[in-house]
Amino acid sequence: MPGTSYRDLWLSADRLWDGSSDAPSDGVSVLVREGKVAEVGVAPLRPVDADILELPGCTLLPGFIDCHVHTLDEQLDAASPAYQTLRSLPALRTLLAGGFTTVRDLGGADQALNTALRRAVDEGLIAGPRMVVAPNILSPRGGHADKAPELAERYGTEIGTLADGPDELRRAVRQQARAGADWIKFVGSGGFSSPSDNPDDTAYSQVEMDALVSTARDFHLPCAAHAFDDESITRAIRAGVRSIEHGCLATPLAYTLMEQHGTYLIPTQYVQTYFLERLGDDIWEDRPAKMRRAYRHYAQDLREGLLRPARTDVKIAFGTDAGMFPYSEGWREFPTMVANGLSPLRALRAATSTAAELLRRPDLGRIAPGTTADLVALHGDPFQDIDATGRVGFVMQAGHACPRR
C-alpha cells in the first residue's frame, strides 16, 4: 500500500508451494521485506530485526489470481455510476479475503467504472485485489452484451458498449484505450444470460474481429474473447486474441487450434455447474427469462464440454465469472476443475504462475526472491484436499497482511 513502511517478517507454515514446483516443500519459510519476497529458506530461531509469523497446519502459496471477474453488478446496469461503484466495494473485500490478491475484471455494460476502482485500490483508498481491467464488453447490437434491446427498439436507448462493423469497432477500441484499459474484452459468441442470442451464435465476422484485435494491438492491448463454440473461438484465435473466455461448448478441433497458437483458455467451470445444479431452484426470477431455458437446452453439451480441457495441453488460466454467483464462492472453481479431470497441481498453477503469465506479470504468481509478496495460507494441504482452497487462514498483498472477513 502506498506510504506504508514494513518491518521484515518471516512466515513459516507446515509446507510451502512456490507456484511452479511439482509439489510443496516442508520446512521452508519466506522472508518478506518492503513488500517483496527477500528470501526463501529456513527461518532463524530468533531472527534479528524481523518478526516471525507461525502458520501451523497451513500451506503457504502465492496469492491467487482470478482472471475473469465482474465486480460491477450487471443487474445494476441502469443504476447511477456512484451506486454501482459503491456496491462493488463489498465484492472487492470478499475477493481479497478469499485469497485473491489480483483479479482481471472483464468489464460491464457502458460505464468505465472499474478503472476508478483499480486506481482506488492502487492508492490504498479501498481494500481489494490488485485490478487489471477491461473497462467494458464490446458487443454487436443484438449480441451478448446488448443489455436492453427492448429499450433500444421502443425508445432508442441502448445499454451496452455496442459496435457493428470494422469502423465502429476501431472507434470503440480507441475509446477503451482512452478510458484506461489494460485489456480489450469483446463478445465472440452469444451467451446464456443474453437477452437476444444463444451461446452458439457467432457475434462478429472475421473481418470485424480482425479490425478489433489489430486496433487493440496498435495500443499494445491484449484481447479477451467471450466465446463458447468452435466458430467463434476459431475466428477469435485467427484474429490474434490472447485468451478465450469460457469455451465450454468447444470441441477437440478448437482445442487443437488453441494449442497451436498458444492461446490461453479461462474455462469458468464453476459458474456453469452453479446454474446446471440449480435448474429447479428459485434463483432465476431476477435473471433474463431465457437464461434457464438456455441452460436446460445445452445442459448435456455443457456437461460433456466441461470434461474436455483436462484432456488437452491448452494453457489454462483460472477464472470464475464471479459476479454471476456469490463472490465468496470463487474458490469452488478449484474443486470443480479437479472434479472435471484437472490435477490439483494444474488447477493451482492456473491460479498462480499460469495466470501471471497470461497477464504478463512475472512478479506475481510465484514465491521467489524479488517477486511481489502476495501470499495466501490455507488450512490443510490443497494437493491432498483441493477443498483446502476454501479454508483461507491468512492473506498478504504486497507485504501487507489483509484483514479477514
Protein backbone atom coordinates (compact mmCIF):
# COMPACT_ATOMS: atom_id res chain seq x y z
CA MET A 1 0.00 0.00 0.00
CA PRO A 2 1.32 3.49 -0.81
CA GLY A 3 3.16 5.16 2.05
CA THR A 4 3.31 2.00 4.17
CA SER A 5 6.58 1.08 5.88
CA TYR A 6 7.23 -2.57 6.58
CA ARG A 7 9.20 -4.42 9.22
CA ASP A 8 10.88 -7.60 7.95
CA LEU A 9 8.69 -10.65 8.51
CA TRP A 10 9.39 -14.37 8.37
CA LEU A 11 6.34 -16.50 7.54
CA SER A 12 6.58 -20.16 8.49
CA ALA A 13 3.93 -22.74 7.58
CA ASP A 14 3.96 -26.54 7.61
CA ARG A 15 4.62 -26.53 3.88
CA LEU A 16 5.23 -24.08 1.06
CA TRP A 17 4.39 -24.27 -2.62
CA ASP A 18 6.12 -21.70 -4.80
CA GLY A 19 3.65 -21.64 -7.72
CA SER A 20 5.91 -23.56 -10.10
CA SER A 21 7.22 -26.73 -8.46
CA ASP A 22 5.51 -30.09 -8.86
CA ALA A 23 4.83 -30.40 -5.11
CA PRO A 24 5.07 -28.37 -1.90
CA SER A 25 8.15 -28.40 0.31
CA ASP A 26 8.21 -28.89 4.07
CA GLY A 27 10.07 -26.67 6.49
CA VAL A 28 10.55 -23.75 4.11
CA SER A 29 9.84 -20.17 5.21
CA VAL A 30 9.57 -16.83 3.45
CA LEU A 31 11.22 -13.57 4.42
CA VAL A 32 9.20 -10.53 3.35
CA ARG A 33 10.93 -7.15 3.12
CA GLU A 34 9.41 -3.91 1.82
CA GLY A 35 6.58 -5.66 0.03
CA LYS A 36 8.80 -8.17 -1.76
CA VAL A 37 9.94 -11.72 -1.15
CA ALA A 38 13.54 -11.28 0.04
CA GLU A 39 14.44 -14.88 0.84
CA VAL A 40 13.01 -18.39 0.71
CA GLY A 41 14.66 -20.81 3.13
CA VAL A 42 14.86 -21.84 6.77
CA ALA A 43 13.84 -19.13 9.22
CA PRO A 44 16.26 -18.42 12.09
CA LEU A 45 15.03 -19.43 15.53
CA ARG A 46 15.45 -15.90 16.84
CA PRO A 47 15.54 -13.55 13.86
CA VAL A 48 17.27 -10.23 14.38
CA ASP A 49 15.35 -7.13 13.26
CA ALA A 50 12.47 -9.23 11.96
CA ASP A 51 9.17 -10.57 13.21
CA ILE A 52 8.07 -14.15 12.70
CA LEU A 53 4.56 -15.40 11.96
CA GLU A 54 3.88 -19.08 12.52
CA LEU A 55 1.10 -20.67 10.46
CA PRO A 56 0.77 -24.18 11.89
CA GLY A 57 -1.26 -26.69 9.89
CA CYS A 58 -1.16 -24.45 6.82
CA THR A 59 0.19 -24.48 3.30
CA LEU A 60 1.68 -21.19 2.10
CA LEU A 61 1.12 -20.39 -1.59
CA PRO A 62 1.33 -17.40 -3.93
CA GLY A 63 -1.72 -15.17 -3.77
CA PHE A 64 -4.43 -16.40 -6.12
CA ILE A 65 -5.21 -14.65 -9.41
CA ASP A 66 -8.76 -14.73 -10.79
CA CYS A 67 -8.59 -13.87 -14.49
CA HIS A 68 -12.33 -13.44 -15.02
CA VAL A 69 -14.47 -11.47 -12.60
CA HIS A 70 -17.14 -8.79 -12.85
CA THR A 71 -17.01 -6.55 -9.79
CA LEU A 72 -19.84 -4.39 -11.11
CA ASP A 73 -23.26 -5.98 -10.71
CA GLU A 74 -24.71 -6.44 -14.21
CA GLN A 75 -28.22 -6.25 -12.78
CA LEU A 76 -27.47 -2.61 -11.91
CA ASP A 77 -26.53 -1.53 -15.43
CA ALA A 78 -29.18 1.20 -15.39
CA ALA A 79 -28.32 2.41 -11.85
CA SER A 80 -26.27 5.52 -11.17
CA PRO A 81 -22.49 5.16 -11.59
CA ALA A 82 -21.98 6.16 -7.96
CA TYR A 83 -24.27 3.42 -6.66
CA GLN A 84 -22.75 0.79 -8.96
CA THR A 85 -19.29 1.71 -7.71
CA LEU A 86 -20.26 1.62 -4.03
CA ARG A 87 -21.94 -1.75 -4.49
CA SER A 88 -18.60 -3.10 -5.75
CA LEU A 89 -16.74 -2.43 -2.51
CA PRO A 90 -18.04 -5.44 -0.54
CA ALA A 91 -17.27 -7.66 -3.54
CA LEU A 92 -13.65 -6.47 -3.60
CA ARG A 93 -13.24 -7.09 0.13
CA THR A 94 -14.70 -10.57 -0.21
CA LEU A 95 -12.41 -11.49 -3.09
CA LEU A 96 -9.31 -10.35 -1.21
CA ALA A 97 -10.32 -12.14 1.97
CA GLY A 98 -10.71 -15.31 -0.11
CA GLY A 99 -7.04 -15.20 -1.10
CA PHE A 100 -7.45 -13.49 -4.49
CA THR A 101 -4.79 -10.81 -4.41
CA THR A 102 -5.12 -9.98 -8.13
CA VAL A 103 -8.13 -10.06 -10.43
CA ARG A 104 -8.75 -9.31 -14.07
CA ASP A 105 -12.09 -7.51 -14.23
CA LEU A 106 -13.60 -8.04 -17.67
CA GLY A 107 -15.96 -5.16 -17.68
CA GLY A 108 -19.54 -4.04 -17.53
CA ALA A 109 -22.09 -2.50 -19.84
CA ASP A 110 -21.44 1.14 -20.70
CA GLN A 111 -19.66 2.83 -17.79
CA ALA A 112 -15.89 2.54 -17.39
CA LEU A 113 -16.15 2.33 -13.61
CA ASN A 114 -13.63 -0.39 -12.90
CA THR A 115 -10.78 1.91 -13.92
CA ALA A 116 -11.68 4.10 -10.93
CA LEU A 117 -11.81 1.03 -8.68
CA ARG A 118 -8.37 0.00 -9.96
CA ARG A 119 -6.97 3.40 -9.06
CA ALA A 120 -8.62 3.41 -5.63
CA VAL A 121 -7.12 0.00 -4.81
CA ASP A 122 -3.69 1.09 -6.06
CA GLU A 123 -3.82 4.22 -3.91
CA GLY A 124 -4.93 2.30 -0.82
CA LEU A 125 -8.27 4.10 -0.62
CA ILE A 126 -10.22 0.84 -0.61
CA ALA A 127 -9.39 -2.78 0.18
CA GLY A 128 -9.41 -5.18 -2.71
CA PRO A 129 -7.38 -7.26 -5.10
CA ARG A 130 -4.94 -5.61 -7.46
CA MET A 131 -7.03 -4.97 -10.57
CA VAL A 132 -6.28 -5.48 -14.25
CA VAL A 133 -9.26 -4.22 -16.21
CA ALA A 134 -11.17 -4.22 -19.45
CA PRO A 135 -13.48 -1.24 -18.89
CA ASN A 136 -16.40 -2.54 -20.93
CA ILE A 137 -17.53 -5.50 -23.02
CA LEU A 138 -17.68 -4.70 -26.72
CA SER A 139 -20.72 -6.26 -28.34
CA PRO A 140 -22.74 -6.07 -31.55
CA ARG A 141 -26.28 -4.84 -31.33
CA GLY A 142 -28.42 -7.85 -30.54
CA GLY A 143 -25.36 -9.58 -29.08
CA HIS A 144 -24.48 -10.92 -25.65
CA ALA A 145 -23.71 -7.54 -24.06
CA ASP A 146 -26.59 -5.63 -25.64
CA LYS A 147 -28.23 -5.41 -22.24
CA ALA A 148 -31.65 -3.99 -23.03
CA PRO A 149 -32.63 -4.48 -26.68
CA GLU A 150 -36.28 -3.84 -25.84
CA LEU A 151 -35.40 -0.29 -24.69
CA ALA A 152 -33.48 0.31 -27.90
CA GLU A 153 -36.36 -0.93 -30.00
CA ARG A 154 -39.01 1.10 -28.23
CA TYR A 155 -37.18 4.23 -27.02
CA GLY A 156 -33.89 4.27 -28.90
CA THR A 157 -31.96 3.91 -25.63
CA GLU A 158 -29.03 1.50 -25.74
CA ILE A 159 -27.39 -0.06 -22.68
CA GLY A 160 -24.05 -1.57 -23.54
CA THR A 161 -20.82 -0.72 -25.37
CA LEU A 162 -22.20 -1.57 -28.79
CA ALA A 163 -20.36 -1.51 -32.08
CA ASP A 164 -21.03 -3.02 -35.51
CA GLY A 165 -18.67 -3.11 -38.46
CA PRO A 166 -14.90 -2.51 -38.58
CA ASP A 167 -15.08 1.29 -38.29
CA GLU A 168 -17.31 1.31 -35.21
CA LEU A 169 -15.15 -1.38 -33.63
CA ARG A 170 -11.94 0.57 -34.23
CA ARG A 171 -13.53 3.61 -32.63
CA ALA A 172 -14.77 1.55 -29.67
CA VAL A 173 -11.31 0.08 -29.03
CA ARG A 174 -9.77 3.55 -29.09
CA GLN A 175 -12.37 4.76 -26.60
CA GLN A 176 -11.50 1.84 -24.32
CA ALA A 177 -7.83 2.77 -24.56
CA ARG A 178 -8.70 6.38 -23.72
CA ALA A 179 -10.66 5.17 -20.68
CA GLY A 180 -7.56 3.43 -19.33
CA ALA A 181 -7.96 -0.18 -20.49
CA ASP A 182 -5.40 -2.84 -19.64
CA TRP A 183 -7.29 -5.35 -21.83
CA ILE A 184 -9.95 -5.26 -24.51
CA LYS A 185 -12.88 -7.62 -23.95
CA PHE A 186 -15.36 -8.44 -26.69
CA VAL A 187 -18.06 -10.99 -27.32
CA GLY A 188 -17.22 -13.52 -30.00
CA SER A 189 -20.33 -15.59 -29.41
CA GLY A 190 -23.69 -15.38 -27.77
CA GLY A 191 -24.24 -16.34 -24.15
CA PHE A 192 -26.56 -17.93 -21.65
CA SER A 193 -27.59 -14.70 -19.95
CA SER A 194 -28.10 -12.80 -23.22
CA PRO A 195 -31.47 -11.19 -23.83
CA SER A 196 -31.40 -11.96 -27.56
CA ASP A 197 -28.86 -14.53 -28.70
CA ASN A 198 -27.74 -18.10 -27.93
CA PRO A 199 -24.35 -19.45 -26.79
CA ASP A 200 -23.53 -20.96 -30.17
CA ASP A 201 -24.40 -17.84 -32.17
CA THR A 202 -21.38 -16.03 -33.63
CA ALA A 203 -21.21 -12.34 -32.81
CA TYR A 204 -18.71 -10.85 -35.24
CA SER A 205 -17.42 -11.68 -38.70
CA GLN A 206 -13.76 -12.49 -39.27
CA VAL A 207 -13.25 -9.06 -40.81
CA GLU A 208 -14.77 -7.36 -37.75
CA MET A 209 -12.68 -9.38 -35.28
CA ASP A 210 -9.54 -8.71 -37.30
CA ALA A 211 -10.20 -4.97 -37.20
CA LEU A 212 -10.90 -5.01 -33.47
CA VAL A 213 -7.83 -7.02 -32.47
CA SER A 214 -5.44 -5.21 -34.81
CA THR A 215 -6.56 -1.85 -33.40
CA ALA A 216 -6.02 -3.13 -29.86
CA ARG A 217 -2.58 -4.33 -30.91
CA ASP A 218 -1.76 -0.78 -32.05
CA PHE A 219 -2.28 0.26 -28.41
CA HIS A 220 -0.36 -2.79 -27.09
CA LEU A 221 -3.59 -4.03 -25.51
CA PRO A 222 -4.26 -7.80 -25.41
CA CYS A 223 -7.74 -9.07 -26.20
CA ALA A 224 -10.02 -11.49 -24.38
CA ALA A 225 -12.89 -13.05 -26.34
CA HIS A 226 -16.07 -14.34 -24.74
CA ALA A 227 -16.56 -17.40 -26.93
CA PHE A 228 -18.40 -20.65 -26.28
CA ASP A 229 -18.34 -22.58 -29.56
CA ASP A 230 -15.88 -23.63 -32.25
CA GLU A 231 -16.75 -21.00 -34.86
CA SER A 232 -16.41 -18.01 -32.52
CA ILE A 233 -13.26 -19.45 -30.95
CA THR A 234 -11.69 -20.10 -34.35
CA ARG A 235 -12.37 -16.59 -35.61
CA ALA A 236 -11.05 -15.05 -32.37
CA ILE A 237 -7.83 -17.09 -32.47
CA ARG A 238 -7.24 -16.25 -36.13
CA ALA A 239 -7.68 -12.57 -35.24
CA GLY A 240 -4.98 -12.92 -32.57
CA VAL A 241 -6.68 -12.83 -29.17
CA ARG A 242 -4.63 -13.74 -26.12
CA SER A 243 -7.39 -15.51 -24.19
CA ILE A 244 -10.63 -17.35 -24.78
CA GLU A 245 -13.22 -16.93 -22.04
CA HIS A 246 -15.49 -19.92 -21.30
CA GLY A 247 -15.09 -22.16 -24.36
CA CYS A 248 -17.49 -24.59 -22.71
CA LEU A 249 -19.01 -25.87 -25.98
CA ALA A 250 -15.67 -26.25 -27.77
CA THR A 251 -14.72 -29.49 -29.50
CA PRO A 252 -11.22 -31.01 -29.92
CA LEU A 253 -10.85 -29.04 -33.16
CA ALA A 254 -10.94 -25.73 -31.28
CA TYR A 255 -8.65 -27.02 -28.54
CA THR A 256 -6.08 -28.05 -31.13
CA LEU A 257 -6.15 -24.54 -32.57
CA MET A 258 -5.66 -23.05 -29.09
CA GLU A 259 -2.66 -25.31 -28.53
CA GLN A 260 -1.12 -24.40 -31.90
CA HIS A 261 -1.46 -20.65 -31.32
CA GLY A 262 -0.57 -20.66 -27.61
CA THR A 263 -3.95 -19.12 -26.76
CA TYR A 264 -4.94 -19.21 -23.09
CA LEU A 265 -8.27 -20.68 -22.01
CA ILE A 266 -10.19 -19.42 -18.99
CA PRO A 267 -12.80 -22.18 -18.65
CA THR A 268 -15.04 -20.68 -15.90
CA GLN A 269 -16.33 -24.12 -14.95
CA TYR A 270 -17.94 -23.45 -11.59
CA VAL A 271 -20.39 -20.87 -12.93
CA GLN A 272 -21.70 -23.43 -15.44
CA THR A 273 -22.01 -26.04 -12.72
CA TYR A 274 -23.66 -23.50 -10.41
CA PHE A 275 -26.53 -22.97 -12.82
CA LEU A 276 -26.78 -26.55 -14.06
CA GLU A 277 -27.23 -27.77 -10.49
CA ARG A 278 -29.97 -25.20 -9.80
CA LEU A 279 -32.28 -25.62 -12.77
CA GLY A 280 -35.12 -26.47 -10.43
CA ASP A 281 -34.37 -23.79 -7.83
CA ASP A 282 -35.83 -20.31 -7.39
CA ILE A 283 -32.69 -18.32 -8.32
CA TRP A 284 -33.98 -17.39 -11.77
CA GLU A 285 -36.62 -14.75 -11.13
CA ASP A 286 -34.17 -11.80 -11.31
CA ARG A 287 -32.38 -13.14 -14.40
CA PRO A 288 -33.27 -12.96 -18.11
CA ALA A 289 -36.29 -15.11 -18.87
CA LYS A 290 -34.50 -17.21 -21.47
CA MET A 291 -31.46 -17.97 -19.29
CA ARG A 292 -32.87 -21.06 -17.59
CA ARG A 293 -34.27 -22.33 -20.90
CA ALA A 294 -30.81 -21.99 -22.45
CA TYR A 295 -29.13 -23.92 -19.64
CA ARG A 296 -31.73 -26.67 -19.95
CA HIS A 297 -31.28 -26.84 -23.71
CA TYR A 298 -27.47 -27.01 -23.63
CA ALA A 299 -27.14 -28.97 -20.37
CA GLN A 300 -25.78 -32.19 -21.84
CA ASP A 301 -23.40 -30.39 -24.21
CA LEU A 302 -22.11 -28.33 -21.30
CA ARG A 303 -21.55 -31.35 -19.05
CA GLU A 304 -19.56 -33.04 -21.80
CA GLY A 305 -17.69 -29.86 -22.64
CA LEU A 306 -16.53 -29.31 -19.05
CA LEU A 307 -14.53 -32.55 -19.24
CA ARG A 308 -12.57 -31.64 -22.37
CA PRO A 309 -9.95 -29.09 -21.16
CA ALA A 310 -8.28 -31.67 -18.89
CA ARG A 311 -7.61 -33.88 -21.90
CA THR A 312 -5.66 -31.16 -23.72
CA ASP A 313 -2.36 -29.31 -23.40
CA VAL A 314 -4.05 -25.92 -23.66
CA LYS A 315 -2.68 -23.26 -21.32
CA ILE A 316 -5.42 -22.98 -18.70
CA ALA A 317 -5.66 -19.88 -16.53
CA PHE A 318 -8.02 -19.63 -13.57
CA GLY A 319 -11.19 -17.57 -13.91
CA THR A 320 -14.54 -17.80 -12.20
CA ASP A 321 -17.00 -15.29 -13.69
CA ALA A 322 -17.59 -14.18 -10.09
CA GLY A 323 -20.45 -11.74 -10.04
CA MET A 324 -22.66 -14.25 -11.80
CA PHE A 325 -22.70 -16.11 -8.47
CA PRO A 326 -21.69 -15.03 -4.93
CA TYR A 327 -18.14 -13.70 -4.72
CA SER A 328 -17.48 -15.79 -1.63
CA GLU A 329 -17.74 -18.96 -3.72
CA GLY A 330 -14.94 -18.23 -6.18
CA TRP A 331 -12.72 -20.84 -4.53
CA ARG A 332 -15.13 -23.52 -5.74
CA GLU A 333 -13.61 -23.21 -9.21
CA PHE A 334 -10.67 -25.26 -7.88
CA PRO A 335 -12.62 -28.39 -6.85
CA THR A 336 -14.81 -28.07 -9.95
CA MET A 337 -11.75 -28.13 -12.21
CA VAL A 338 -10.37 -31.13 -10.32
CA ALA A 339 -13.72 -32.94 -10.49
CA ASN A 340 -13.62 -32.42 -14.26
CA GLY A 341 -10.23 -34.07 -14.59
CA LEU A 342 -7.53 -31.48 -13.91
CA SER A 343 -4.87 -32.41 -11.39
CA PRO A 344 -4.65 -30.26 -8.25
CA LEU A 345 -1.23 -29.12 -9.48
CA ARG A 346 -2.60 -27.88 -12.82
CA ALA A 347 -5.55 -26.19 -11.13
CA LEU A 348 -3.30 -24.41 -8.63
CA ARG A 349 -0.85 -23.34 -11.33
CA ALA A 350 -3.82 -21.99 -13.30
CA ALA A 351 -4.48 -19.52 -10.46
CA THR A 352 -0.83 -18.60 -9.86
CA SER A 353 2.07 -18.93 -12.30
CA THR A 354 -0.03 -19.57 -15.44
CA ALA A 355 -2.37 -16.69 -14.64
CA ALA A 356 0.63 -14.42 -14.10
CA GLU A 357 2.00 -15.46 -17.50
CA LEU A 358 -1.33 -14.60 -19.11
CA LEU A 359 -1.24 -11.16 -17.50
CA ARG A 360 2.46 -10.71 -18.34
CA ARG A 361 3.23 -10.13 -14.67
CA PRO A 362 6.35 -12.17 -13.83
CA ASP A 363 6.42 -10.59 -10.36
CA LEU A 364 3.15 -12.34 -9.45
CA GLY A 365 2.05 -15.95 -9.14
CA ARG A 366 5.31 -17.29 -7.67
CA ILE A 367 7.20 -17.24 -4.39
CA ALA A 368 10.83 -16.44 -5.20
CA PRO A 369 13.30 -13.70 -4.25
CA GLY A 370 12.28 -10.46 -5.91
CA THR A 371 8.63 -11.32 -6.52
CA THR A 372 5.79 -9.31 -5.03
CA ALA A 373 4.87 -10.61 -1.57
CA ASP A 374 1.34 -11.76 -2.39
CA LEU A 375 0.76 -14.81 -0.20
CA VAL A 376 -2.13 -16.96 0.98
CA ALA A 377 -2.09 -19.56 3.75
CA LEU A 378 -4.61 -22.40 3.56
CA HIS A 379 -5.60 -24.66 6.43
CA GLY A 380 -4.58 -28.11 5.17
CA ASP A 381 -2.84 -29.29 2.03
CA PRO A 382 -4.62 -28.50 -1.28
CA PHE A 383 -2.54 -31.13 -3.07
CA GLN A 384 -4.24 -33.76 -0.91
CA ASP A 385 -7.58 -32.00 -0.42
CA ILE A 386 -8.42 -29.36 -3.02
CA ASP A 387 -11.23 -28.07 -0.80
CA ALA A 388 -8.48 -26.53 1.33
CA THR A 389 -8.60 -23.65 -1.18
CA GLY A 390 -11.78 -22.59 0.62
CA ARG A 391 -10.11 -22.58 4.04
CA VAL A 392 -8.10 -19.39 3.92
CA GLY A 393 -6.31 -18.54 7.16
CA PHE A 394 -4.09 -15.63 6.15
CA VAL A 395 -3.71 -13.28 3.18
CA MET A 396 -0.86 -10.91 2.36
CA GLN A 397 -0.87 -8.44 -0.50
CA ALA A 398 2.38 -6.69 -1.44
CA GLY A 399 3.75 -7.37 2.05
CA HIS A 400 0.64 -6.09 3.84
CA ALA A 401 -1.39 -8.52 5.96
CA CYS A 402 -5.03 -8.24 4.88
CA PRO A 403 -7.98 -8.28 7.26
CA ARG A 404 -10.12 -11.39 7.30
CA ARG A 405 -13.86 -11.34 6.65
